[in-house]
Amino acid sequence: MTARVSVFAPAKINLFLHVGEKRDDGYHALESLVAFAETGDRLTFAPADDVRLDIVGPFANRLLRGEDNLVLKAARALKAAARPGTGISLGAAIRLEKNIPVAAGLGGGSADAAAALRGLNAFWKLGLAESELLQLATTLGSDVPACLLSRTCWMEGRGEFVKDVPPLPNFPIILVNPGVLVPTGPIFADLNARTGVAAMRPPGRLETVWDLVAYLADAANDLEAPACRFAPLIEDVLSALDREPGCVLAQMSGSGATCFGLFEQEQFALGAAERIAQDHRDWWVRATRLASPEVGATQVANSK
């Protein structure tokens, strides 16, 4: 029997995102409360002599398949960090099921890279601790450390500093993307107003959706305005969410173009998703929930 490993890569949601000054390394200082959804990509790992990647799913044709793919970069970084003498052949046939839009503000590539680190660490039986994987994650991209945790966390720096906060309840949420690609670089370049960092403190335990709304009352996504200038359809998405009964908060995630609507009751979220999808058949719409802390768990299955 040969072990196969399966890892879920949940979509990342910035419940707020504040931007500070540009650092000496060229990155902006950031501050964000990051949560994850029960929708996302999935990676599976099977035995192979070398590392190879197969991409399937509705958004597979929008991804880089060469050596610049973040999953392959993560695999190379992990191989370089592997302790000698494991006795394991460091090869893997990786299958990436790409279910969430690309360049959408959901951390898709970062989530996939983080899932590759978690999955290959288990598949290759390397035994690296989460703290060691986090060090590798910081070398791969700003969102990768948070996605490595795949649980509610507080993010600072350019994204390299993450720490746990109390988990959020399993609120209903819908994600809406109008089908436009929003590259991160131009959005930061067009940023002309910012909240700055140290404006918020990490939350304590939030028991209800209204606790979360109250906590976020003075927060914002600083990238929303430049993203809307780049892709005005984002304003249409936010307006569609705001019009829905039961939507208690509508905001853009990351650098866009995906926006989220937070709901208190699931029937309102399901109804909103159905109506928005019917009215805008070219938009990507998903009714889901904020993920529980176990959503990023690595699953090992035995198969012949």
Protein backbone atom coordinates (compact mmCIF):
# COMPACT_ATOMS: atom_id res chain seq x y z
CA MET A 1 0.00 0.00 0.00
CA THR A 2 1.27 3.45 -0.93
CA ALA A 3 0.18 6.53 0.96
CA ARG A 4 -1.35 9.39 -0.98
CA VAL A 5 -1.79 12.78 0.66
CA SER A 6 -4.60 15.26 0.05
CA VAL A 7 -4.55 18.86 1.25
CA PHE A 8 -7.26 21.50 1.00
CA ALA A 9 -6.11 25.04 0.10
CA PRO A 10 -8.87 27.34 1.41
CA ALA A 11 -9.56 30.74 -0.09
CA LYS A 12 -8.06 33.57 1.98
CA ILE A 13 -10.27 36.49 2.99
CA ASN A 14 -8.90 39.80 4.27
CA LEU A 15 -11.62 40.97 6.66
CA PHE A 16 -9.76 44.28 6.64
CA LEU A 17 -6.49 45.38 5.08
CA HIS A 18 -4.60 48.49 6.17
CA VAL A 19 -1.55 49.71 4.30
CA GLY A 20 1.33 51.67 5.79
CA GLU A 21 4.44 53.25 4.32
CA LYS A 22 6.70 51.55 1.81
CA ARG A 23 9.54 49.70 3.52
CA ASP A 24 13.22 49.72 2.61
CA ASP A 25 12.76 46.40 0.80
CA GLY A 26 10.15 47.93 -1.51
CA TYR A 27 7.15 46.29 0.14
CA HIS A 28 4.42 48.20 1.95
CA ALA A 29 3.81 47.59 5.65
CA LEU A 30 0.48 45.79 6.07
CA GLU A 31 -1.96 44.98 8.83
CA SER A 32 -4.86 42.59 8.35
CA LEU A 33 -7.25 40.19 10.02
CA VAL A 34 -7.19 37.13 7.78
CA ALA A 35 -9.84 34.42 7.71
CA PHE A 36 -10.45 31.48 5.40
CA ALA A 37 -13.44 30.04 3.58
CA GLU A 38 -14.76 26.52 3.20
CA THR A 39 -14.23 26.82 -0.56
CA GLY A 40 -10.85 26.57 -2.22
CA ASP A 41 -8.42 24.48 -4.23
CA ARG A 42 -7.22 20.96 -3.50
CA LEU A 43 -3.79 19.36 -3.93
CA THR A 44 -3.10 15.63 -3.97
CA PHE A 45 0.31 13.99 -3.90
CA ALA A 46 1.14 10.56 -5.31
CA PRO A 47 4.44 8.66 -5.70
CA ALA A 48 6.71 9.63 -8.59
CA ASP A 49 10.41 9.63 -9.41
CA ASP A 50 10.52 13.40 -9.80
CA VAL A 51 8.33 16.37 -8.97
CA ARG A 52 5.70 17.11 -11.60
CA LEU A 53 2.51 19.13 -11.59
CA ASP A 54 -0.84 18.51 -13.28
CA ILE A 55 -3.44 21.28 -13.08
CA VAL A 56 -7.15 20.61 -13.53
CA GLY A 57 -10.35 22.43 -12.63
CA PRO A 58 -12.35 25.41 -13.90
CA PHE A 59 -9.47 27.90 -13.63
CA ALA A 60 -6.63 25.58 -14.68
CA ASN A 61 -6.05 27.34 -17.99
CA ARG A 62 -5.21 30.64 -16.27
CA LEU A 63 -2.23 29.32 -14.31
CA LEU A 64 1.48 29.22 -15.09
CA ARG A 65 2.56 25.62 -15.59
CA GLY A 66 6.31 26.14 -15.76
CA GLU A 67 8.96 26.44 -13.10
CA ASP A 68 7.58 29.80 -11.94
CA ASN A 69 4.41 28.12 -10.62
CA LEU A 70 4.29 28.71 -6.86
CA VAL A 71 3.52 25.05 -6.12
CA LEU A 72 6.73 23.97 -7.83
CA LYS A 73 8.65 26.77 -6.11
CA ALA A 74 7.34 25.51 -2.77
CA ALA A 75 8.38 21.94 -3.61
CA ARG A 76 11.90 23.08 -4.49
CA ALA A 77 12.19 25.13 -1.30
CA LEU A 78 11.04 22.18 0.80
CA LYS A 79 13.46 19.78 -0.89
CA ALA A 80 16.31 22.18 -0.18
CA ALA A 81 15.30 22.34 3.49
CA ALA A 82 14.84 18.58 3.92
CA ARG A 83 17.00 17.03 6.58
CA PRO A 84 19.47 14.49 5.15
CA GLY A 85 19.00 10.82 5.82
CA THR A 86 15.21 10.66 5.57
CA GLY A 87 15.44 7.68 3.22
CA ILE A 88 12.49 9.06 1.25
CA SER A 89 12.63 9.68 -2.49
CA LEU A 90 11.72 13.35 -2.82
CA GLY A 91 9.53 13.03 -5.85
CA ALA A 92 5.79 13.52 -6.19
CA ALA A 93 3.08 13.64 -8.82
CA ILE A 94 1.13 16.71 -7.71
CA ARG A 95 -2.42 17.28 -8.88
CA LEU A 96 -3.80 20.77 -8.34
CA GLU A 97 -7.56 21.17 -8.64
CA LYS A 98 -7.96 24.90 -9.32
CA ASN A 99 -11.43 25.92 -8.17
CA ILE A 100 -11.01 29.59 -7.23
CA PRO A 101 -10.30 32.47 -9.62
CA VAL A 102 -6.76 33.62 -10.36
CA ALA A 103 -5.52 37.13 -9.40
CA ALA A 104 -8.73 37.54 -7.41
CA GLY A 105 -7.67 38.73 -3.95
CA LEU A 106 -8.28 35.28 -2.46
CA GLY A 107 -4.63 34.30 -2.13
CA GLY A 108 -5.11 31.41 -4.55
CA GLY A 109 -1.48 30.94 -5.60
CA SER A 110 -0.29 31.53 -2.05
CA ALA A 111 -2.83 29.06 -0.68
CA ASP A 112 -1.66 26.46 -3.19
CA ALA A 113 2.01 27.03 -2.29
CA ALA A 114 1.21 26.76 1.42
CA ALA A 115 -0.78 23.57 0.84
CA ALA A 116 2.18 22.18 -1.10
CA LEU A 117 4.45 22.84 1.90
CA ARG A 118 2.03 21.14 4.30
CA GLY A 119 1.24 18.27 1.98
CA LEU A 120 4.78 17.44 0.88
CA ASN A 121 6.01 17.70 4.46
CA ALA A 122 3.59 14.87 5.28
CA PHE A 123 4.05 12.98 1.99
CA TRP A 124 7.84 12.97 2.24
CA LYS A 125 7.68 12.33 6.01
CA LEU A 126 10.06 15.22 6.66
CA GLY A 127 8.68 16.05 10.11
CA LEU A 128 9.29 19.79 9.81
CA ALA A 129 7.52 21.82 12.49
CA GLU A 130 5.00 24.51 11.60
CA SER A 131 7.54 27.16 12.62
CA GLU A 132 10.03 25.74 10.11
CA LEU A 133 7.41 25.68 7.36
CA LEU A 134 6.53 29.30 8.18
CA GLN A 135 10.16 30.30 7.60
CA LEU A 136 10.00 28.72 4.14
CA ALA A 137 6.63 30.33 3.48
CA THR A 138 8.04 33.84 3.98
CA THR A 139 10.43 33.26 1.06
CA LEU A 140 7.60 32.40 -1.34
CA GLY A 141 5.21 35.35 -1.05
CA SER A 142 3.53 37.81 1.27
CA ASP A 143 0.32 35.79 1.72
CA VAL A 144 1.95 32.37 2.01
CA PRO A 145 2.63 32.47 5.80
CA ALA A 146 -1.03 33.21 6.60
CA CYS A 147 -2.14 30.55 4.12
CA LEU A 148 0.30 28.11 5.73
CA LEU A 149 -1.70 28.48 8.95
CA SER A 150 -5.05 28.39 7.05
CA ARG A 151 -6.83 29.56 10.18
CA THR A 152 -7.91 32.96 11.46
CA CYS A 153 -4.79 35.00 12.10
CA TRP A 154 -3.36 38.48 12.49
CA MET A 155 -0.93 39.53 9.76
CA GLU A 156 1.72 42.26 9.90
CA GLY A 157 4.88 43.33 8.07
CA ARG A 158 4.61 42.55 4.38
CA GLY A 159 2.81 39.40 5.52
CA GLU A 160 5.74 37.56 7.10
CA PHE A 161 4.54 38.10 10.67
CA VAL A 162 1.45 36.06 11.53
CA LYS A 163 -0.03 35.02 14.84
CA ASP A 164 -3.12 33.16 15.92
CA VAL A 165 -6.19 34.94 17.20
CA PRO A 166 -9.32 33.30 18.63
CA PRO A 167 -11.19 31.45 15.87
CA LEU A 168 -14.25 33.08 14.40
CA PRO A 169 -17.64 31.38 14.45
CA ASN A 170 -18.66 29.54 11.28
CA PHE A 171 -20.55 32.49 9.72
CA PRO A 172 -22.26 32.22 6.30
CA ILE A 173 -20.48 34.21 3.62
CA ILE A 174 -20.69 34.61 -0.14
CA LEU A 175 -17.79 35.35 -2.45
CA VAL A 176 -18.34 37.20 -5.72
CA ASN A 177 -15.81 37.84 -8.47
CA PRO A 178 -16.83 39.76 -11.62
CA GLY A 179 -14.34 37.94 -13.83
CA VAL A 180 -11.67 40.63 -14.15
CA LEU A 181 -8.01 40.09 -13.33
CA VAL A 182 -6.61 42.64 -10.89
CA PRO A 183 -2.79 42.57 -10.70
CA THR A 184 -1.49 43.57 -7.30
CA GLY A 185 1.36 45.85 -8.45
CA PRO A 186 -0.72 48.53 -10.22
CA ILE A 187 -3.17 48.64 -7.30
CA PHE A 188 -0.43 49.45 -4.79
CA ALA A 189 1.09 51.92 -7.24
CA ASP A 190 -2.20 53.83 -7.46
CA LEU A 191 -2.72 53.94 -3.68
CA ASN A 192 -3.09 57.59 -2.63
CA ALA A 193 -4.78 57.28 0.78
CA ARG A 194 -4.04 54.79 3.49
CA THR A 195 -5.09 54.04 7.04
CA GLY A 196 -1.59 53.06 8.11
CA VAL A 197 -0.62 50.32 10.52
CA ALA A 198 -1.19 50.20 14.28
CA ALA A 199 -4.72 51.56 13.76
CA MET A 200 -6.26 48.27 14.96
CA ARG A 201 -5.48 45.70 17.60
CA PRO A 202 -5.95 41.95 17.23
CA PRO A 203 -9.45 40.93 18.31
CA GLY A 204 -10.37 38.91 21.32
CA ARG A 205 -13.01 36.22 21.06
CA LEU A 206 -15.91 37.31 18.86
CA GLU A 207 -19.04 35.27 19.57
CA THR A 208 -21.54 36.63 17.04
CA VAL A 209 -21.54 38.16 13.59
CA TRP A 210 -22.46 41.47 15.21
CA ASP A 211 -19.34 41.28 17.39
CA LEU A 212 -17.31 41.00 14.20
CA VAL A 213 -19.17 43.86 12.51
CA ALA A 214 -18.61 46.07 15.55
CA TYR A 215 -14.91 45.19 15.60
CA LEU A 216 -14.60 46.07 11.90
CA ALA A 217 -16.54 49.35 12.22
CA ASP A 218 -13.38 51.47 12.05
CA ALA A 219 -11.53 49.20 9.64
CA ALA A 220 -11.34 49.22 5.84
CA ASN A 221 -9.58 47.73 2.86
CA ASP A 222 -7.21 50.50 1.75
CA LEU A 223 -6.79 48.83 -1.65
CA GLU A 224 -10.51 48.96 -2.45
CA ALA A 225 -10.49 52.50 -3.89
CA PRO A 226 -7.57 51.98 -6.32
CA ALA A 227 -8.93 48.56 -7.28
CA CYS A 228 -12.30 50.11 -8.13
CA ARG A 229 -10.56 52.69 -10.30
CA PHE A 230 -8.74 49.89 -12.09
CA ALA A 231 -11.82 47.65 -12.38
CA PRO A 232 -15.10 49.60 -11.90
CA LEU A 233 -17.05 46.32 -11.94
CA ILE A 234 -15.92 45.88 -8.32
CA GLU A 235 -18.28 48.72 -7.36
CA ASP A 236 -21.11 46.83 -9.07
CA VAL A 237 -20.29 43.75 -7.00
CA LEU A 238 -20.29 45.71 -3.75
CA SER A 239 -23.59 47.35 -4.68
CA ALA A 240 -25.14 43.97 -5.47
CA LEU A 241 -24.08 42.65 -2.07
CA ASP A 242 -25.25 45.78 -0.23
CA ARG A 243 -28.72 45.40 -1.75
CA GLU A 244 -29.17 41.90 -0.41
CA PRO A 245 -31.34 41.49 2.71
CA GLY A 246 -29.39 39.92 5.52
CA CYS A 247 -25.96 41.09 4.30
CA VAL A 248 -24.39 42.72 7.35
CA LEU A 249 -21.02 43.59 5.78
CA ALA A 250 -19.77 43.83 2.18
CA GLN A 251 -16.14 44.50 1.37
CA MET A 252 -13.39 43.66 -1.10
CA SER A 253 -10.76 41.06 -0.18
CA GLY A 254 -7.06 41.62 -0.74
CA SER A 255 -6.28 43.61 -3.88
CA GLY A 256 -9.50 42.45 -5.54
CA ALA A 257 -11.53 41.84 -7.51
CA THR A 258 -13.34 39.33 -5.26
CA CYS A 259 -15.71 40.82 -2.70
CA PHE A 260 -17.36 39.09 0.23
CA GLY A 261 -20.73 39.49 1.85
CA LEU A 262 -21.08 38.40 5.45
CA PHE A 263 -24.46 37.13 6.66
CA GLU A 264 -26.02 36.21 9.97
CA GLN A 265 -28.34 33.51 8.59
CA GLU A 266 -27.55 30.91 5.95
CA GLN A 267 -30.88 31.14 4.12
CA PHE A 268 -30.19 34.82 3.35
CA ALA A 269 -26.71 33.98 2.05
CA LEU A 270 -28.02 31.18 -0.17
CA GLY A 271 -30.76 33.42 -1.54
CA ALA A 272 -28.32 36.24 -2.21
CA ALA A 273 -25.91 33.95 -4.04
CA GLU A 274 -28.70 32.58 -6.21
CA ARG A 275 -30.03 36.02 -7.13
CA ILE A 276 -26.62 37.52 -7.88
CA ALA A 277 -25.65 34.51 -9.99
CA GLN A 278 -28.89 34.76 -11.97
CA ASP A 279 -28.51 38.50 -12.55
CA HIS A 280 -24.81 38.24 -13.49
CA ARG A 281 -24.22 34.93 -15.24
CA ASP A 282 -20.62 35.79 -16.08
CA TRP A 283 -19.69 36.39 -12.42
CA TRP A 284 -18.20 33.72 -10.16
CA VAL A 285 -20.44 33.39 -7.09
CA ARG A 286 -20.01 30.99 -4.18
CA ALA A 287 -22.09 30.60 -1.03
CA THR A 288 -19.84 29.19 1.68
CA ARG A 289 -18.90 29.74 5.32
CA LEU A 290 -15.93 31.03 7.25
CA ALA A 291 -13.79 28.00 7.82
CA SER A 292 -13.30 26.16 11.08
CA PRO A 293 -9.70 25.81 12.34
CA GLU A 294 -9.46 22.26 10.95
CA VAL A 295 -10.18 23.19 7.33
CA GLY A 296 -6.55 23.05 6.21
CA ALA A 297 -5.89 19.65 7.75
CA THR A 298 -3.74 17.23 5.78
CA GLN A 299 -5.47 13.97 4.90
CA VAL A 300 -3.54 10.77 4.26
CA ALA A 301 -5.25 8.00 2.31
CA ASN A 302 -3.89 4.56 1.46
CA SER A 303 -4.29 3.37 -2.11
CA LYS A 304 -2.72 0.77 -4.33
